[in-house]
Amino acid sequence: MFSKKKNTSKLDTEQREMYEYARKRALQKRRLFQHFVVFLIGAVLLIVLNVVIGYREDLKPLGYDWFVWAILIWTFFFLIHMLNVLVIDSFMGKEWEHHQMERLVRKQRDRIEEMQKKVEKEHPEPKKKEESNIYEDPAPIRIQENDPRNPDKPLNH
């Protein structure tokens, strides 16, 4: 009845953002680990296909077996994935994004102020009349009555 209303909306929003960011990072790291496991299993499978089973033993582009090229290409993609998750995303996370947004907002605000100053310089506002003269009419309106001899004649002529 007399309890104070708690204002926790900002705190709840920050906690929710932190939770979402942590969940996203955990999912990224989980997918990286899954990619690594699939890479290891796939590399072993490619080696077994070529060396043990003898599948396409004669295919040797640039002097190396085909499975070596497949594993090297796959390693390149895995390294890009790892770089993205562990390096780029950790440096360019929520704090970096927030800093960049603040910088862009500040830059936009400065540009608006410059434009406002330019407009005020090019188009200055006319000076306002004194308050005592605001209600004065420069030319009073004369009310004319209809001429009873000519009712079709306009009032203002």
C-alpha atoms as a PDB file:
ATOM      1  CA  MET A   1       0.000   0.000   0.000  1.00  0.00           C
ATOM      2  CA  PHE A   2       2.657   2.542   1.026  1.00  0.00           C
ATOM      3  CA  SER A   3       5.573   0.767  -0.573  1.00  0.00           C
ATOM      4  CA  LYS A   4       7.884   2.636  -2.866  1.00  0.00           C
ATOM      5  CA  LYS A   5       7.803   1.701  -6.504  1.00  0.00           C
ATOM      6  CA  LYS A   6      11.114   0.169  -7.459  1.00  0.00           C
ATOM      7  CA  ASN A   7      12.681   1.497 -10.629  1.00  0.00           C
ATOM      8  CA  THR A   8      14.616  -1.506 -11.878  1.00  0.00           C
ATOM      9  CA  SER A   9      13.897  -1.170 -15.588  1.00  0.00           C
ATOM     10  CA  LYS A  10      17.388   0.104 -16.418  1.00  0.00           C
ATOM     11  CA  LEU A  11      19.001  -2.595 -14.304  1.00  0.00           C
ATOM     12  CA  ASP A  12      16.812  -5.271 -15.835  1.00  0.00           C
ATOM     13  CA  THR A  13      17.671  -4.019 -19.333  1.00  0.00           C
ATOM     14  CA  GLU A  14      21.399  -4.080 -18.609  1.00  0.00           C
ATOM     15  CA  GLN A  15      21.171  -7.555 -17.073  1.00  0.00           C
ATOM     16  CA  ARG A  16      19.188  -8.802 -20.055  1.00  0.00           C
ATOM     17  CA  GLU A  17      21.779  -7.341 -22.472  1.00  0.00           C
ATOM     18  CA  MET A  18      24.615  -8.926 -20.514  1.00  0.00           C
ATOM     19  CA  TYR A  19      22.797 -12.270 -20.493  1.00  0.00           C
ATOM     20  CA  GLU A  20      22.108 -12.104 -24.243  1.00  0.00           C
ATOM     21  CA  TYR A  21      25.734 -11.215 -24.964  1.00  0.00           C
ATOM     22  CA  ALA A  22      26.997 -14.073 -22.770  1.00  0.00           C
ATOM     23  CA  ARG A  23      24.566 -16.487 -24.434  1.00  0.00           C
ATOM     24  CA  LYS A  24      25.704 -15.365 -27.884  1.00  0.00           C
ATOM     25  CA  ARG A  25      29.403 -15.754 -26.982  1.00  0.00           C
ATOM     26  CA  ALA A  26      28.811 -19.215 -25.503  1.00  0.00           C
ATOM     27  CA  LEU A  27      26.969 -20.287 -28.660  1.00  0.00           C
ATOM     28  CA  GLN A  28      29.800 -18.946 -30.850  1.00  0.00           C
ATOM     29  CA  LYS A  29      32.424 -20.852 -28.852  1.00  0.00           C
ATOM     30  CA  ARG A  30      30.301 -24.011 -28.903  1.00  0.00           C
ATOM     31  CA  ARG A  31      29.981 -23.816 -32.702  1.00  0.00           C
ATOM     32  CA  LEU A  32      33.732 -23.253 -33.011  1.00  0.00           C
ATOM     33  CA  PHE A  33      34.388 -26.368 -30.939  1.00  0.00           C
ATOM     34  CA  GLN A  34      31.898 -28.340 -33.057  1.00  0.00           C
ATOM     35  CA  HIS A  35      33.640 -27.091 -36.204  1.00  0.00           C
ATOM     36  CA  PHE A  36      36.975 -28.265 -34.777  1.00  0.00           C
ATOM     37  CA  VAL A  37      35.633 -31.756 -33.983  1.00  0.00           C
ATOM     38  CA  VAL A  38      34.057 -32.090 -37.449  1.00  0.00           C
ATOM     39  CA  PHE A  39      37.333 -30.867 -38.983  1.00  0.00           C
ATOM     40  CA  LEU A  40      39.367 -33.519 -37.136  1.00  0.00           C
ATOM     41  CA  ILE A  41      36.956 -36.317 -38.041  1.00  0.00           C
ATOM     42  CA  GLY A  42      36.797 -35.142 -41.645  1.00  0.00           C
ATOM     43  CA  ALA A  43      40.574 -34.859 -41.982  1.00  0.00           C
ATOM     44  CA  VAL A  44      41.035 -38.387 -40.625  1.00  0.00           C
ATOM     45  CA  LEU A  45      38.321 -39.635 -42.999  1.00  0.00           C
ATOM     46  CA  LEU A  46      40.018 -37.991 -46.008  1.00  0.00           C
ATOM     47  CA  ILE A  47      43.384 -39.512 -45.064  1.00  0.00           C
ATOM     48  CA  VAL A  48      41.807 -42.950 -44.622  1.00  0.00           C
ATOM     49  CA  LEU A  49      40.019 -42.629 -47.997  1.00  0.00           C
ATOM     50  CA  ASN A  50      43.227 -41.856 -49.857  1.00  0.00           C
ATOM     51  CA  VAL A  51      45.932 -43.776 -48.023  1.00  0.00           C
ATOM     52  CA  VAL A  52      44.172 -46.864 -46.650  1.00  0.00           C
ATOM     53  CA  ILE A  53      41.387 -47.429 -49.198  1.00  0.00           C
ATOM     54  CA  GLY A  54      43.347 -46.007 -52.139  1.00  0.00           C
ATOM     55  CA  TYR A  55      40.601 -43.708 -53.472  1.00  0.00           C
ATOM     56  CA  ARG A  56      42.062 -41.496 -56.212  1.00  0.00           C
ATOM     57  CA  GLU A  57      45.687 -42.243 -55.347  1.00  0.00           C
ATOM     58  CA  ASP A  58      46.799 -41.012 -58.751  1.00  0.00           C
ATOM     59  CA  LEU A  59      45.217 -37.525 -58.328  1.00  0.00           C
ATOM     60  CA  LYS A  60      48.086 -35.252 -57.234  1.00  0.00           C
ATOM     61  CA  PRO A  61      47.535 -31.571 -58.100  1.00  0.00           C
ATOM     62  CA  LEU A  62      50.823 -29.625 -57.893  1.00  0.00           C
ATOM     63  CA  GLY A  63      52.622 -32.732 -56.685  1.00  0.00           C
ATOM     64  CA  TYR A  64      50.628 -33.297 -53.484  1.00  0.00           C
ATOM     65  CA  ASP A  65      47.845 -35.748 -52.805  1.00  0.00           C
ATOM     66  CA  TRP A  66      44.303 -34.324 -53.189  1.00  0.00           C
ATOM     67  CA  PHE A  67      43.423 -34.914 -49.527  1.00  0.00           C
ATOM     68  CA  VAL A  68      46.292 -32.634 -48.473  1.00  0.00           C
ATOM     69  CA  TRP A  69      44.779 -29.774 -50.491  1.00  0.00           C
ATOM     70  CA  ALA A  70      41.305 -30.480 -49.095  1.00  0.00           C
ATOM     71  CA  ILE A  71      42.642 -30.464 -45.524  1.00  0.00           C
ATOM     72  CA  LEU A  72      44.643 -27.250 -46.131  1.00  0.00           C
ATOM     73  CA  ILE A  73      41.589 -25.444 -47.527  1.00  0.00           C
ATOM     74  CA  TRP A  74      39.451 -26.665 -44.642  1.00  0.00           C
ATOM     75  CA  THR A  75      42.179 -25.569 -42.170  1.00  0.00           C
ATOM     76  CA  PHE A  76      42.096 -22.100 -43.727  1.00  0.00           C
ATOM     77  CA  PHE A  77      38.318 -21.821 -43.192  1.00  0.00           C
ATOM     78  CA  PHE A  78      38.628 -23.143 -39.637  1.00  0.00           C
ATOM     79  CA  LEU A  79      41.332 -20.554 -38.834  1.00  0.00           C
ATOM     80  CA  ILE A  80      39.109 -17.762 -40.193  1.00  0.00           C
ATOM     81  CA  HIS A  81      36.261 -19.020 -37.997  1.00  0.00           C
ATOM     82  CA  MET A  82      38.564 -19.195 -34.954  1.00  0.00           C
ATOM     83  CA  LEU A  83      39.943 -15.696 -35.632  1.00  0.00           C
ATOM     84  CA  ASN A  84      36.420 -14.317 -35.894  1.00  0.00           C
ATOM     85  CA  VAL A  85      35.214 -15.891 -32.645  1.00  0.00           C
ATOM     86  CA  LEU A  86      38.256 -15.512 -30.410  1.00  0.00           C
ATOM     87  CA  VAL A  87      39.891 -12.301 -31.639  1.00  0.00           C
ATOM     88  CA  ILE A  88      37.581 -10.057 -33.634  1.00  0.00           C
ATOM     89  CA  ASP A  89      34.419 -10.601 -31.596  1.00  0.00           C
ATOM     90  CA  SER A  90      36.215 -10.159 -28.273  1.00  0.00           C
ATOM     91  CA  PHE A  91      37.740  -6.816 -29.369  1.00  0.00           C
ATOM     92  CA  MET A  92      34.654  -5.614 -31.191  1.00  0.00           C
ATOM     93  CA  GLY A  93      32.011  -6.620 -28.682  1.00  0.00           C
ATOM     94  CA  LYS A  94      29.290  -4.632 -26.918  1.00  0.00           C
ATOM     95  CA  GLU A  95      31.665  -2.033 -25.439  1.00  0.00           C
ATOM     96  CA  TRP A  96      33.229  -1.300 -28.821  1.00  0.00           C
ATOM     97  CA  GLU A  97      29.789  -1.056 -30.426  1.00  0.00           C
ATOM     98  CA  HIS A  98      28.557   1.299 -27.684  1.00  0.00           C
ATOM     99  CA  HIS A  99      31.658   3.515 -28.056  1.00  0.00           C
ATOM    100  CA  GLN A 100      31.209   3.677 -31.833  1.00  0.00           C
ATOM    101  CA  MET A 101      27.523   4.615 -31.489  1.00  0.00           C
ATOM    102  CA  GLU A 102      28.361   7.406 -29.027  1.00  0.00           C
ATOM    103  CA  ARG A 103      31.054   8.720 -31.369  1.00  0.00           C
ATOM    104  CA  LEU A 104      28.684   8.721 -34.358  1.00  0.00           C
ATOM    105  CA  VAL A 105      25.894  10.419 -32.375  1.00  0.00           C
ATOM    106  CA  ARG A 106      28.328  13.102 -31.204  1.00  0.00           C
ATOM    107  CA  LYS A 107      29.545  13.621 -34.773  1.00  0.00           C
ATOM    108  CA  GLN A 108      25.963  13.902 -36.066  1.00  0.00           C
ATOM    109  CA  ARG A 109      25.075  16.368 -33.291  1.00  0.00           C
ATOM    110  CA  ASP A 110      28.079  18.532 -34.231  1.00  0.00           C
ATOM    111  CA  ARG A 111      27.037  18.520 -37.886  1.00  0.00           C
ATOM    112  CA  ILE A 112      23.502  19.584 -36.966  1.00  0.00           C
ATOM    113  CA  GLU A 113      24.858  22.457 -34.852  1.00  0.00           C
ATOM    114  CA  GLU A 114      27.079  23.592 -37.752  1.00  0.00           C
ATOM    115  CA  MET A 115      24.130  23.522 -40.137  1.00  0.00           C
ATOM    116  CA  GLN A 116      21.979  25.443 -37.641  1.00  0.00           C
ATOM    117  CA  LYS A 117      24.646  28.142 -37.311  1.00  0.00           C
ATOM    118  CA  LYS A 118      24.959  28.358 -41.094  1.00  0.00           C
ATOM    119  CA  VAL A 119      21.183  28.743 -41.509  1.00  0.00           C
ATOM    120  CA  GLU A 120      21.035  31.415 -38.793  1.00  0.00           C
ATOM    121  CA  LYS A 121      23.893  33.283 -40.453  1.00  0.00           C
ATOM    122  CA  GLU A 122      22.392  33.144 -43.952  1.00  0.00           C
ATOM    123  CA  HIS A 123      18.779  33.751 -42.896  1.00  0.00           C
ATOM    124  CA  PRO A 124      18.632  35.864 -39.741  1.00  0.00           C
ATOM    125  CA  GLU A 125      15.264  36.108 -38.009  1.00  0.00           C
ATOM    126  CA  PRO A 126      13.488  39.457 -38.404  1.00  0.00           C
ATOM    127  CA  LYS A 127      13.463  41.561 -35.291  1.00  0.00           C
ATOM    128  CA  LYS A 128      10.240  41.367 -33.330  1.00  0.00           C
ATOM    129  CA  LYS A 129       8.161  44.443 -32.637  1.00  0.00           C
ATOM    130  CA  GLU A 130       7.942  45.734 -29.120  1.00  0.00           C
ATOM    131  CA  GLU A 131       5.090  44.305 -27.124  1.00  0.00           C
ATOM    132  CA  SER A 132       3.242  47.614 -26.996  1.00  0.00           C
ATOM    133  CA  ASN A 133       3.138  47.790 -30.794  1.00  0.00           C
ATOM    134  CA  ILE A 134       2.044  44.232 -31.389  1.00  0.00           C
ATOM    135  CA  TYR A 135      -1.660  45.015 -31.221  1.00  0.00           C
ATOM    136  CA  GLU A 136      -1.543  48.268 -33.149  1.00  0.00           C
ATOM    137  CA  ASP A 137      -2.852  48.179 -36.683  1.00  0.00           C
ATOM    138  CA  PRO A 138      -0.922  50.244 -39.202  1.00  0.00           C
ATOM    139  CA  ALA A 139      -4.078  51.102 -41.147  1.00  0.00           C
ATOM    140  CA  PRO A 140      -7.454  50.793 -39.446  1.00  0.00           C
ATOM    141  CA  ILE A 141     -10.160  49.115 -41.464  1.00  0.00           C
ATOM    142  CA  ARG A 142     -13.008  51.384 -42.453  1.00  0.00           C
ATOM    143  CA  ILE A 143     -16.395  49.809 -42.357  1.00  0.00           C
ATOM    144  CA  GLN A 144     -18.649  50.975 -45.124  1.00  0.00           C
ATOM    145  CA  GLU A 145     -22.320  50.460 -45.200  1.00  0.00           C
ATOM    146  CA  ASN A 146     -24.184  49.395 -48.278  1.00  0.00           C
ATOM    147  CA  ASP A 147     -25.495  52.213 -50.370  1.00  0.00           C
ATOM    148  CA  PRO A 148     -29.266  51.739 -50.327  1.00  0.00           C
ATOM    149  CA  ARG A 149     -29.445  53.051 -53.903  1.00  0.00           C
ATOM    150  CA  ASN A 150     -27.060  50.355 -55.231  1.00  0.00           C
ATOM    151  CA  PRO A 151     -27.156  47.076 -53.222  1.00  0.00           C
ATOM    152  CA  ASP A 152     -24.992  45.228 -55.800  1.00  0.00           C
ATOM    153  CA  LYS A 153     -22.036  47.530 -55.233  1.00  0.00           C
ATOM    154  CA  PRO A 154     -19.210  45.800 -53.222  1.00  0.00           C
ATOM    155  CA  LEU A 155     -18.459  47.008 -49.728  1.00  0.00           C
ATOM    156  CA  ASN A 156     -14.745  47.605 -50.262  1.00  0.00           C
ATOM    157  CA  HIS A 157     -13.970  49.554 -53.399  1.00  0.00           C
END
